Amino acid sequence: MKTNILALSAALLLCGAASVSCSDQSGMLPDKDHLARKFDPKDRKLFISPEKVHYPQTWFHFIGGNVSYEGITADLEAIADAGISGVHFFHGQQGGKWPATGEDIECMSEKWEDAVKFVAEECKRLGLNFTIQNCPGWAMSGGPWIKPENAMRILVSSTKIVKGGEKVSTSLSQPQPSREEWRDYRDIAVLAFPTPEGAADSRPKPAKILGCGNYEWQKPILQNKQITLSPAHEGANWVELSYDKPTAIRTLQLSSVQRFNHNMCYDPGVTVKVFAYNRKGESTKILEAPMPQSNWQDGSTMSLACEVVEDAVKYRIEIENQYDMRISRLNLLTMAMKNSWESEAGWTLRSFERSADDLVQPAEAYLKYDQIVDVTEHFSKDGRFEWTPPTSGDWTILRLGHVNAGRKNAPAPPSGTGWECDKLSTDGPEAHFAGYVGKLSDGVLSDGLLNGMLLDSWECNTQTWTLKMEEEFERVSGYELRRWLPAVLGYVVDDPQTTSRFLLDWR
């Protein structure tokens, strides 16, 4: 996205690198003259005996309510004696009550604020810099002060296929997940468009499934249930899907790369190939793709575009996996989807897979931008939709909304846990800063006790919407966003290159 992603950077400038009154306390950063000067023989001496501003700093944690003032002093004195120049304060939550720590100190309580102030004062006494993590826990930017409207939000949708050329009177399901009140569901728009070829019933059931080994291949193919494949040290694990009539497969959809083998997600060691066979037994390789790097925050499907063979009646999927591999989704789809759209559209944190980026399928399988109609005015708040599609054939009605993503800061004590703030709006970070670091810096940590703020670790997955998304996106990119939203859901709009250009601006 080209919007203001983290207004917290401004907060960093406000409270970072502050000067302090203690003569033994180093600055947070070397001064400009020090950083700009050329290397000379004095640097040899400085390397052996550096100035204190170059000394390391260390973490300093409250864990749950297990805090004692005696322990704070003992720890900080040991840190100072070791030559460390400062601490980064966190309040995490792991385990229960510890022995010999006295009364529990509840996060965000008056006693907790007094304890945090005591840490800062002891740091000042000992000449240590005092930096505070941006929120309770160590990821990422949230707390109980964040209301659903200022929380991270995601796009949600529901679809219905209707017949064109005649009046449609129906109800449109509210997109999920949205049942819980805290989801704060809000509608965006209702769009209608002629259903691209293959998209109406996109997961045809094979007449026959035949595969290697004793694997229950029907589970990932028909039921989205998991099986585990042993490493294919020679050749590949394979499965063949046969159909009663010619079936044009346009997309292979797999479970997330992270779920293949969590321990190896940064080096999956998996290559997937798909071959199409016509009635004569002639084969065409329609896909070959190495699986990209992933990480533990990848929970979305992996969609791969395939070359189309119109008269194919059988498909062979080969999986070359170097390690044990779990797979819970192995779907051959007749719907054309943008290659690797889940990561390109920001639904998951995963590297892009580029093998089929330039693959062009038949035009009738793609959604045409100029055929997308905004029919929001024909939709009522009670869920009823009445409209007459201008042409015959299948039409897709797409209801779009957005909800609180449900992400929370962690691992934090219950009294310090809440929604992750909206990272695509200044309102979210400003509300978050006011609820935690700003509150402390204006309160018990005023008078120069707070020297810096730390953002430790991004562990809150991704965000795909914000309250002012449409107006901000159009202002920055020039796109009228609403009619492009099908591309964010995997549809290929006009052609793969056009869709890629839009998704680049979307990110």
Protein backbone atom coordinates (compact mmCIF):
# COMPACT_ATOMS: atom_id res chain seq x y z
CA MET A 1 0.00 0.00 0.00
CA LYS A 2 1.11 3.57 -0.60
CA THR A 3 -0.89 4.82 2.37
CA ASN A 4 0.61 5.83 5.71
CA ILE A 5 1.31 2.34 7.10
CA LEU A 6 2.74 3.16 10.54
CA ALA A 7 2.23 6.57 12.01
CA LEU A 8 4.08 5.08 14.97
CA SER A 9 7.30 6.14 13.26
CA ALA A 10 6.38 9.69 14.24
CA ALA A 11 5.95 8.51 17.80
CA LEU A 12 9.43 7.02 17.68
CA LEU A 13 10.83 10.40 16.72
CA LEU A 14 8.97 12.02 19.58
CA CYS A 15 10.26 9.80 22.36
CA GLY A 16 13.49 8.33 20.96
CA ALA A 17 17.03 9.57 21.50
CA ALA A 18 16.06 11.96 24.29
CA SER A 19 18.84 13.59 26.30
CA VAL A 20 18.95 12.90 30.05
CA SER A 21 20.37 14.68 33.05
CA CYS A 22 22.47 11.87 34.54
CA SER A 23 26.09 12.48 33.61
CA ASP A 24 26.89 8.78 33.42
CA GLN A 25 23.96 8.00 31.13
CA SER A 26 24.89 7.65 27.46
CA GLY A 27 22.83 9.00 24.59
CA MET A 28 20.71 6.65 22.53
CA LEU A 29 22.74 7.37 19.37
CA PRO A 30 26.14 8.90 18.54
CA ASP A 31 25.93 12.58 17.57
CA LYS A 32 25.97 13.65 13.90
CA ASP A 33 29.59 14.82 13.97
CA HIS A 34 30.68 11.45 15.34
CA LEU A 35 28.78 9.56 12.67
CA ALA A 36 29.99 11.78 9.80
CA ARG A 37 33.72 11.98 10.54
CA LYS A 38 36.25 9.97 8.55
CA PHE A 39 38.07 6.94 9.94
CA ASP A 40 41.52 7.72 11.33
CA PRO A 41 44.05 6.12 13.74
CA LYS A 42 41.91 7.11 16.74
CA ASP A 43 39.35 4.51 15.66
CA ARG A 44 41.74 1.71 16.57
CA LYS A 45 41.72 2.94 20.17
CA LEU A 46 37.96 3.53 20.11
CA PHE A 47 37.40 -0.02 18.90
CA ILE A 48 39.31 -1.37 21.91
CA SER A 49 37.71 1.06 24.34
CA PRO A 50 34.48 2.43 22.77
CA GLU A 51 32.41 5.27 24.12
CA LYS A 52 29.42 4.22 26.19
CA VAL A 53 26.95 5.17 23.43
CA HIS A 54 28.22 2.09 21.56
CA TYR A 55 27.70 -0.33 24.45
CA PRO A 56 25.02 -3.01 24.01
CA GLN A 57 21.58 -2.83 25.57
CA THR A 58 19.46 -5.73 26.79
CA TRP A 59 15.89 -6.85 27.35
CA PHE A 60 14.26 -6.37 30.74
CA HIS A 61 11.00 -8.22 31.28
CA PHE A 62 8.14 -8.25 33.72
CA ILE A 63 6.62 -11.73 33.35
CA GLY A 64 2.99 -11.78 34.44
CA GLY A 65 2.61 -10.27 37.91
CA ASN A 66 5.93 -11.73 39.08
CA VAL A 67 7.65 -8.49 40.06
CA SER A 68 9.50 -7.39 43.18
CA TYR A 69 11.26 -4.08 43.78
CA GLU A 70 14.24 -5.87 45.30
CA GLY A 71 14.54 -8.00 42.19
CA ILE A 72 14.32 -4.93 39.92
CA THR A 73 17.20 -3.26 41.73
CA ALA A 74 19.34 -6.40 41.84
CA ASP A 75 18.85 -7.08 38.12
CA LEU A 76 19.53 -3.52 37.03
CA GLU A 77 22.64 -3.22 39.20
CA ALA A 78 23.98 -6.44 37.68
CA ILE A 79 23.21 -5.12 34.19
CA ALA A 80 25.02 -1.86 34.90
CA ASP A 81 28.01 -3.68 36.45
CA ALA A 82 28.29 -5.78 33.28
CA GLY A 83 28.88 -2.68 31.18
CA ILE A 84 25.50 -2.73 29.44
CA SER A 85 24.23 0.74 28.55
CA GLY A 86 20.47 0.34 28.80
CA VAL A 87 17.39 -1.86 28.95
CA HIS A 88 14.38 -2.48 26.73
CA PHE A 89 11.35 -2.93 28.99
CA PHE A 90 8.70 -5.54 28.11
CA HIS A 91 5.74 -6.95 30.01
CA GLY A 92 5.01 -10.47 28.82
CA GLN A 93 2.95 -13.39 30.05
CA GLN A 94 4.31 -16.93 30.35
CA GLY A 95 3.43 -19.34 33.10
CA GLY A 96 1.78 -18.53 36.41
CA LYS A 97 2.84 -17.31 39.84
CA TRP A 98 6.52 -17.49 40.73
CA PRO A 99 7.78 -18.01 44.29
CA ALA A 100 9.38 -15.18 46.30
CA THR A 101 8.08 -12.32 44.17
CA GLY A 102 5.51 -10.99 46.61
CA GLU A 103 2.15 -9.59 45.58
CA ASP A 104 1.19 -9.88 41.91
CA ILE A 105 1.40 -6.58 40.04
CA GLU A 106 -1.36 -6.40 37.43
CA CYS A 107 -0.39 -4.87 34.09
CA MET A 108 -1.73 -1.32 33.57
CA SER A 109 -2.77 -0.92 37.23
CA GLU A 110 -1.64 1.93 39.47
CA LYS A 111 0.80 -0.43 41.21
CA TRP A 112 2.15 -1.46 37.80
CA GLU A 113 2.72 2.17 36.80
CA ASP A 114 4.58 2.71 40.07
CA ALA A 115 6.74 -0.36 39.35
CA VAL A 116 7.52 0.85 35.80
CA LYS A 117 8.43 4.26 37.17
CA PHE A 118 10.72 2.58 39.71
CA VAL A 119 12.49 0.72 36.88
CA ALA A 120 13.01 4.00 35.01
CA GLU A 121 14.26 5.80 38.12
CA GLU A 122 16.69 2.98 38.92
CA CYS A 123 17.95 3.13 35.34
CA LYS A 124 18.54 6.86 35.70
CA ARG A 125 20.37 6.31 39.00
CA LEU A 126 22.59 3.66 37.42
CA GLY A 127 23.27 5.55 34.17
CA LEU A 128 21.19 3.15 32.03
CA ASN A 129 18.99 4.19 29.11
CA PHE A 130 15.36 3.18 29.54
CA THR A 131 13.44 2.12 26.41
CA ILE A 132 9.92 0.69 26.45
CA GLN A 133 8.35 -1.82 24.08
CA ASN A 134 5.51 -0.38 22.07
CA CYS A 135 2.84 -2.50 23.82
CA PRO A 136 2.48 -5.25 26.42
CA GLY A 137 3.90 -8.50 25.08
CA TRP A 138 6.42 -8.29 22.29
CA ALA A 139 4.16 -8.10 19.25
CA MET A 140 2.97 -5.82 17.92
CA SER A 141 0.83 -2.69 18.49
CA GLY A 142 -2.32 -3.42 20.46
CA GLY A 143 -4.07 -3.37 23.80
CA PRO A 144 -7.47 -3.11 25.51
CA TRP A 145 -7.69 0.59 24.59
CA ILE A 146 -8.13 -0.27 20.88
CA LYS A 147 -11.79 -0.32 19.84
CA PRO A 148 -12.95 -2.51 16.90
CA GLU A 149 -13.18 0.51 14.58
CA ASN A 150 -9.47 1.24 15.18
CA ALA A 151 -8.39 -2.41 14.95
CA MET A 152 -6.72 -4.18 12.03
CA ARG A 153 -9.40 -4.93 9.46
CA ILE A 154 -9.75 -7.43 6.64
CA LEU A 155 -11.87 -7.67 3.51
CA VAL A 156 -14.60 -10.35 3.56
CA SER A 157 -16.95 -11.48 0.80
CA SER A 158 -19.79 -13.79 -0.18
CA THR A 159 -20.95 -14.79 -3.67
CA LYS A 160 -24.13 -15.99 -5.31
CA ILE A 161 -24.59 -17.16 -8.90
CA VAL A 162 -27.87 -16.04 -10.53
CA LYS A 163 -29.40 -16.30 -13.98
CA GLY A 164 -29.29 -13.19 -16.14
CA GLY A 165 -31.94 -11.72 -18.43
CA GLU A 166 -34.68 -11.87 -15.80
CA LYS A 167 -35.37 -10.11 -12.51
CA VAL A 168 -33.41 -11.43 -9.54
CA SER A 169 -34.99 -11.25 -6.09
CA THR A 170 -32.89 -12.99 -3.48
CA SER A 171 -31.01 -12.59 -0.21
CA LEU A 172 -27.24 -12.18 -0.01
CA SER A 173 -25.43 -13.87 2.84
CA GLN A 174 -23.41 -11.64 5.13
CA PRO A 175 -19.73 -12.38 4.47
CA GLN A 176 -17.90 -14.34 7.13
CA PRO A 177 -16.26 -14.23 9.59
CA SER A 178 -18.63 -11.64 11.00
CA ARG A 179 -21.03 -13.30 13.47
CA GLU A 180 -19.35 -12.03 16.65
CA GLU A 181 -20.29 -8.50 17.70
CA TRP A 182 -16.63 -7.54 18.10
CA ARG A 183 -16.08 -8.21 14.39
CA ASP A 184 -17.90 -4.88 13.77
CA TYR A 185 -19.04 -5.95 10.28
CA ARG A 186 -19.54 -3.15 7.75
CA ASP A 187 -20.66 -3.41 4.13
CA ILE A 188 -18.54 -1.96 1.32
CA ALA A 189 -20.43 -2.69 -1.88
CA VAL A 190 -22.32 -5.23 -3.96
CA LEU A 191 -20.89 -5.93 -7.42
CA ALA A 192 -22.29 -7.96 -10.32
CA PHE A 193 -20.54 -9.37 -13.37
CA PRO A 194 -20.96 -12.12 -15.98
CA THR A 195 -19.50 -15.23 -14.44
CA PRO A 196 -16.19 -16.11 -16.15
CA GLU A 197 -16.09 -19.49 -17.86
CA GLY A 198 -15.34 -22.22 -15.34
CA ALA A 199 -16.06 -20.13 -12.26
CA ALA A 200 -19.66 -21.14 -11.58
CA ASP A 201 -18.92 -24.72 -10.49
CA SER A 202 -15.17 -24.52 -10.21
CA ARG A 203 -14.32 -27.77 -8.41
CA PRO A 204 -15.51 -30.68 -10.56
CA LYS A 205 -15.58 -34.06 -8.85
CA PRO A 206 -13.31 -36.59 -10.54
CA ALA A 207 -14.79 -39.93 -11.60
CA LYS A 208 -11.67 -41.77 -10.45
CA ILE A 209 -8.70 -41.08 -8.19
CA LEU A 210 -5.57 -43.25 -8.42
CA GLY A 211 -2.38 -42.48 -6.54
CA CYS A 212 0.90 -43.89 -5.29
CA GLY A 213 1.42 -45.50 -1.90
CA ASN A 214 -1.26 -46.13 0.67
CA TYR A 215 -2.21 -42.49 0.97
CA GLU A 216 -5.87 -41.55 1.28
CA TRP A 217 -5.70 -39.12 -1.64
CA GLN A 218 -9.45 -38.47 -1.56
CA LYS A 219 -9.03 -36.57 1.70
CA PRO A 220 -7.16 -33.50 0.37
CA ILE A 221 -8.87 -33.74 -3.04
CA LEU A 222 -12.50 -34.10 -1.98
CA GLN A 223 -12.70 -33.28 1.72
CA ASN A 224 -9.91 -30.75 2.44
CA LYS A 225 -8.56 -33.13 5.06
CA GLN A 226 -4.91 -33.69 5.80
CA ILE A 227 -2.61 -36.52 4.81
CA THR A 228 1.16 -36.77 5.30
CA LEU A 229 3.43 -37.71 2.40
CA SER A 230 6.81 -39.34 3.00
CA PRO A 231 9.81 -37.76 1.23
CA ALA A 232 10.05 -38.60 -2.47
CA HIS A 233 13.77 -39.29 -2.59
CA GLU A 234 13.46 -40.90 -6.01
CA GLY A 235 10.86 -39.69 -8.48
CA ALA A 236 7.76 -38.11 -6.98
CA ASN A 237 4.61 -38.77 -5.03
CA TRP A 238 1.80 -38.76 -7.56
CA VAL A 239 -1.96 -38.90 -7.94
CA GLU A 240 -4.15 -39.05 -11.07
CA LEU A 241 -7.64 -37.58 -11.37
CA SER A 242 -9.84 -38.84 -14.23
CA TYR A 243 -13.05 -37.17 -15.47
CA ASP A 244 -16.01 -38.54 -17.44
CA LYS A 245 -15.83 -35.69 -19.96
CA PRO A 246 -13.23 -33.19 -21.17
CA THR A 247 -12.50 -30.80 -18.29
CA ALA A 248 -10.40 -27.66 -18.65
CA ILE A 249 -8.43 -27.18 -15.43
CA ARG A 250 -7.10 -23.64 -14.98
CA THR A 251 -5.85 -23.55 -11.37
CA LEU A 252 -4.21 -25.89 -8.89
CA GLN A 253 -4.93 -24.88 -5.31
CA LEU A 254 -2.87 -26.24 -2.42
CA SER A 255 -2.85 -25.75 1.33
CA SER A 256 -0.45 -23.11 2.65
CA VAL A 257 3.29 -23.64 2.21
CA GLN A 258 3.81 -23.22 5.95
CA ARG A 259 1.48 -26.14 6.65
CA PHE A 260 3.43 -28.47 4.37
CA ASN A 261 6.14 -28.72 7.01
CA HIS A 262 6.34 -25.89 9.53
CA ASN A 263 9.95 -26.61 10.44
CA MET A 264 11.04 -26.32 6.78
CA CYS A 265 8.79 -23.46 5.69
CA TYR A 266 11.76 -21.20 4.86
CA ASP A 267 13.14 -23.92 2.59
CA PRO A 268 10.11 -26.03 1.59
CA GLY A 269 11.97 -28.38 -0.74
CA VAL A 270 8.76 -28.99 -2.72
CA THR A 271 8.20 -28.83 -6.47
CA VAL A 272 4.75 -29.47 -7.95
CA LYS A 273 4.07 -30.56 -11.54
CA VAL A 274 0.75 -31.15 -13.31
CA PHE A 275 0.27 -33.08 -16.57
CA ALA A 276 -2.93 -33.10 -18.67
CA TYR A 277 -3.91 -36.14 -20.77
CA ASN A 278 -6.41 -36.23 -23.64
CA ARG A 279 -8.39 -39.32 -24.67
CA LYS A 280 -5.53 -40.49 -26.87
CA GLY A 281 -3.24 -40.59 -23.85
CA GLU A 282 -1.16 -37.68 -25.10
CA SER A 283 0.23 -35.60 -22.25
CA THR A 284 1.01 -31.90 -21.82
CA LYS A 285 2.83 -30.43 -18.82
CA ILE A 286 0.61 -27.56 -17.70
CA LEU A 287 2.40 -26.58 -14.49
CA GLU A 288 5.82 -26.85 -12.90
CA ALA A 289 6.41 -24.68 -9.84
CA PRO A 290 8.87 -24.78 -6.93
CA MET A 291 7.14 -23.78 -3.71
CA PRO A 292 8.34 -20.39 -2.41
CA GLN A 293 9.70 -19.54 1.01
CA SER A 294 7.10 -19.08 3.69
CA ASN A 295 6.95 -18.46 7.45
CA TRP A 296 4.79 -19.27 10.45
CA GLN A 297 2.35 -16.41 9.65
CA ASP A 298 1.35 -18.01 6.33
CA GLY A 299 -2.11 -19.52 6.68
CA SER A 300 -3.62 -18.99 3.21
CA THR A 301 -4.07 -21.33 0.27
CA MET A 302 -1.51 -21.48 -2.54
CA SER A 303 -3.07 -20.97 -5.99
CA LEU A 304 -1.10 -21.74 -9.16
CA ALA A 305 -2.24 -20.91 -12.69
CA CYS A 306 -2.13 -23.79 -15.19
CA GLU A 307 -1.90 -23.89 -18.97
CA VAL A 308 -5.29 -24.91 -20.36
CA VAL A 309 -5.86 -28.15 -22.31
CA GLU A 310 -9.50 -28.05 -23.37
CA ASP A 311 -9.86 -31.77 -24.25
CA ALA A 312 -8.10 -33.19 -21.17
CA VAL A 313 -9.85 -36.04 -19.37
CA LYS A 314 -7.11 -36.95 -16.89
CA TYR A 315 -4.63 -34.99 -14.79
CA ARG A 316 -1.54 -36.25 -13.03
CA ILE A 317 -0.17 -34.25 -10.10
CA GLU A 318 3.44 -34.99 -9.14
CA ILE A 319 4.86 -33.73 -5.85
CA GLU A 320 8.62 -33.83 -5.38
CA ASN A 321 9.07 -33.31 -1.64
CA GLN A 322 12.43 -33.59 0.12
CA TYR A 323 10.87 -33.82 3.58
CA ASP A 324 7.72 -35.15 5.23
CA MET A 325 4.90 -33.09 3.81
CA ARG A 326 1.41 -32.49 5.16
CA ILE A 327 -1.22 -31.50 2.65
CA SER A 328 -4.89 -30.78 3.36
CA ARG A 329 -5.94 -29.19 0.06
CA LEU A 330 -5.19 -30.52 -3.42
CA ASN A 331 -7.85 -29.00 -5.64
CA LEU A 332 -7.99 -28.85 -9.43
CA LEU A 333 -10.21 -25.87 -10.34
CA THR A 334 -11.84 -24.86 -13.60
CA MET A 335 -11.83 -21.23 -12.47
CA ALA A 336 -8.95 -19.06 -13.69
CA MET A 337 -7.17 -17.45 -10.75
CA LYS A 338 -4.23 -15.07 -10.61
CA ASN A 339 -1.03 -17.03 -10.03
CA SER A 340 0.05 -16.75 -6.38
CA TRP A 341 -2.70 -14.19 -5.75
CA GLU A 342 -2.92 -14.84 -2.01
CA SER A 343 0.53 -13.37 -1.38
CA GLU A 344 0.34 -10.78 -4.16
CA ALA A 345 -2.90 -9.39 -2.70
CA GLY A 346 -1.49 -9.30 0.83
CA TRP A 347 -3.61 -12.07 2.31
CA THR A 348 -0.57 -13.86 3.69
CA LEU A 349 3.11 -13.36 4.44
CA ARG A 350 4.79 -15.54 1.82
CA SER A 351 7.23 -15.07 -1.05
CA PHE A 352 5.73 -14.81 -4.52
CA GLU A 353 5.72 -17.76 -6.92
CA ARG A 354 6.55 -16.45 -10.41
CA SER A 355 6.58 -19.56 -12.66
CA ALA A 356 3.24 -18.79 -14.32
CA ASP A 357 3.17 -14.99 -14.11
CA ASP A 358 3.16 -14.63 -17.90
CA LEU A 359 0.76 -17.49 -18.58
CA VAL A 360 -2.25 -16.29 -20.60
CA GLN A 361 -5.39 -18.42 -20.61
CA PRO A 362 -8.40 -18.14 -22.96
CA ALA A 363 -10.04 -14.72 -22.70
CA GLU A 364 -13.45 -16.14 -21.76
CA ALA A 365 -12.01 -17.38 -18.47
CA TYR A 366 -11.15 -13.84 -17.34
CA LEU A 367 -13.38 -11.20 -15.78
CA LYS A 368 -13.75 -8.04 -17.89
CA TYR A 369 -13.41 -4.82 -15.95
CA ASP A 370 -15.93 -2.95 -18.11
CA GLN A 371 -18.54 -5.65 -17.34
CA ILE A 372 -18.32 -5.18 -13.56
CA VAL A 373 -21.43 -3.35 -12.36
CA ASP A 374 -21.79 -1.60 -9.01
CA VAL A 375 -25.28 -2.70 -7.89
CA THR A 376 -25.04 -1.55 -4.26
CA GLU A 377 -28.15 0.61 -4.63
CA HIS A 378 -30.21 -2.54 -5.30
CA PHE A 379 -29.22 -4.07 -1.95
CA SER A 380 -31.12 -3.29 1.25
CA LYS A 381 -29.87 -3.36 4.83
CA ASP A 382 -32.01 -6.41 5.62
CA GLY A 383 -29.99 -8.46 3.10
CA ARG A 384 -32.47 -8.41 0.20
CA PHE A 385 -31.21 -7.89 -3.35
CA GLU A 386 -33.38 -7.11 -6.37
CA TRP A 387 -31.96 -6.40 -9.81
CA THR A 388 -32.24 -7.49 -13.45
CA PRO A 389 -28.95 -8.48 -15.10
CA PRO A 390 -28.77 -6.92 -18.59
CA THR A 391 -27.78 -10.13 -20.41
CA SER A 392 -28.58 -13.83 -20.15
CA GLY A 393 -26.22 -16.43 -18.75
CA ASP A 394 -24.72 -16.83 -15.30
CA TRP A 395 -24.01 -13.69 -13.29
CA THR A 396 -21.99 -13.51 -10.10
CA ILE A 397 -23.27 -11.29 -7.31
CA LEU A 398 -20.41 -10.37 -4.97
CA ARG A 399 -21.17 -8.85 -1.56
CA LEU A 400 -18.13 -7.19 0.00
CA GLY A 401 -17.57 -6.03 3.56
CA HIS A 402 -14.85 -5.60 6.14
CA VAL A 403 -14.39 -6.73 9.74
CA ASN A 404 -12.07 -6.52 12.70
CA ALA A 405 -9.34 -9.06 11.87
CA GLY A 406 -9.35 -10.35 15.44
CA ARG A 407 -5.58 -10.01 15.95
CA LYS A 408 -4.31 -9.28 19.46
CA ASN A 409 -0.99 -8.28 20.95
CA ALA A 410 0.85 -11.18 22.57
CA PRO A 411 2.08 -12.77 24.70
CA ALA A 412 0.74 -10.21 27.17
CA PRO A 413 -1.07 -10.31 30.52
CA PRO A 414 -4.89 -10.32 30.16
CA SER A 415 -5.20 -6.76 31.44
CA GLY A 416 -2.74 -5.60 28.78
CA THR A 417 -4.19 -7.60 25.86
CA GLY A 418 -6.47 -6.18 23.19
CA TRP A 419 -7.00 -5.67 19.48
CA GLU A 420 -4.08 -4.90 17.20
CA CYS A 421 -4.46 -1.36 15.91
CA ASP A 422 -5.23 -0.44 12.29
CA LYS A 423 -1.84 -0.11 10.54
CA LEU A 424 -3.29 1.47 7.36
CA SER A 425 -4.68 4.54 9.09
CA THR A 426 -3.19 7.22 11.33
CA ASP A 427 -6.19 6.83 13.65
CA GLY A 428 -5.16 3.35 14.80
CA PRO A 429 -1.53 4.11 15.75
CA GLU A 430 -2.52 7.42 17.33
CA ALA A 431 -5.12 5.69 19.50
CA HIS A 432 -2.58 3.02 20.38
CA PHE A 433 0.18 5.48 21.27
CA ALA A 434 -2.23 7.47 23.45
CA GLY A 435 -3.27 4.29 25.27
CA TYR A 436 0.20 3.07 26.22
CA VAL A 437 3.54 4.80 25.53
CA GLY A 438 2.00 8.27 25.30
CA LYS A 439 0.07 7.74 28.51
CA LEU A 440 3.25 6.69 30.34
CA SER A 441 5.47 9.37 28.80
CA ASP A 442 2.95 12.06 29.81
CA GLY A 443 2.44 10.47 33.22
CA VAL A 444 4.72 8.44 35.45
CA LEU A 445 7.61 8.51 32.95
CA SER A 446 7.63 12.26 32.39
CA ASP A 447 10.61 14.43 33.40
CA GLY A 448 13.07 12.62 31.11
CA LEU A 449 12.57 9.09 32.47
CA LEU A 450 11.70 7.60 29.07
CA ASN A 451 14.54 7.56 26.54
CA GLY A 452 13.12 5.52 23.66
CA MET A 453 10.43 3.26 22.24
CA LEU A 454 10.94 -0.15 20.66
CA LEU A 455 8.83 -2.04 18.09
CA ASP A 456 10.12 -5.54 18.61
CA SER A 457 8.48 -8.05 16.30
CA TRP A 458 5.78 -8.21 13.59
CA GLU A 459 3.56 -11.14 14.59
CA CYS A 460 0.09 -9.92 13.65
CA ASN A 461 -0.29 -11.36 10.14
CA THR A 462 -1.68 -9.07 7.43
CA GLN A 463 -4.34 -6.42 6.96
CA THR A 464 -6.41 -5.85 3.82
CA TRP A 465 -8.77 -3.01 4.69
CA THR A 466 -9.17 0.23 6.62
CA LEU A 467 -12.15 2.53 7.19
CA LYS A 468 -11.05 5.15 4.64
CA MET A 469 -9.64 2.64 2.18
CA GLU A 470 -11.54 3.62 -0.95
CA GLU A 471 -10.93 7.37 -0.81
CA GLU A 472 -7.28 6.99 0.24
CA PHE A 473 -6.50 4.33 -2.36
CA GLU A 474 -8.05 6.36 -5.15
CA ARG A 475 -6.21 9.50 -4.01
CA VAL A 476 -2.82 7.78 -4.00
CA SER A 477 -3.11 5.31 -6.92
CA GLY A 478 -5.73 6.84 -9.20
CA TYR A 479 -7.75 3.61 -9.26
CA GLU A 480 -11.47 3.57 -8.57
CA LEU A 481 -10.98 0.79 -6.05
CA ARG A 482 -14.46 -0.69 -5.67
CA ARG A 483 -14.74 -2.32 -9.10
CA TRP A 484 -11.20 -3.70 -8.82
CA LEU A 485 -11.87 -5.63 -5.61
CA PRO A 486 -12.54 -8.96 -7.41
CA ALA A 487 -8.81 -8.97 -8.28
CA VAL A 488 -8.00 -8.99 -4.55
CA LEU A 489 -10.07 -12.19 -4.27
CA GLY A 490 -8.17 -14.07 -6.98
CA TYR A 491 -10.14 -13.19 -10.11
CA VAL A 492 -8.07 -12.31 -13.17
CA VAL A 493 -9.40 -8.96 -14.39
CA ASP A 494 -8.84 -8.35 -18.13
CA ASP A 495 -5.50 -10.23 -18.21
CA PRO A 496 -2.75 -11.36 -15.79
CA GLN A 497 -0.51 -8.37 -16.54
CA THR A 498 -3.27 -5.84 -15.86
CA THR A 499 -4.18 -7.64 -12.65
CA SER A 500 -0.52 -7.68 -11.56
CA ARG A 501 -0.21 -3.94 -12.12
CA PHE A 502 -3.27 -3.33 -9.96
CA LEU A 503 -2.06 -5.65 -7.18
CA LEU A 504 1.31 -3.86 -7.16
CA ASP A 505 -0.51 -0.62 -6.31
CA TRP A 506 -2.76 -2.49 -3.88
CA ARG A 507 0.26 -3.66 -1.89
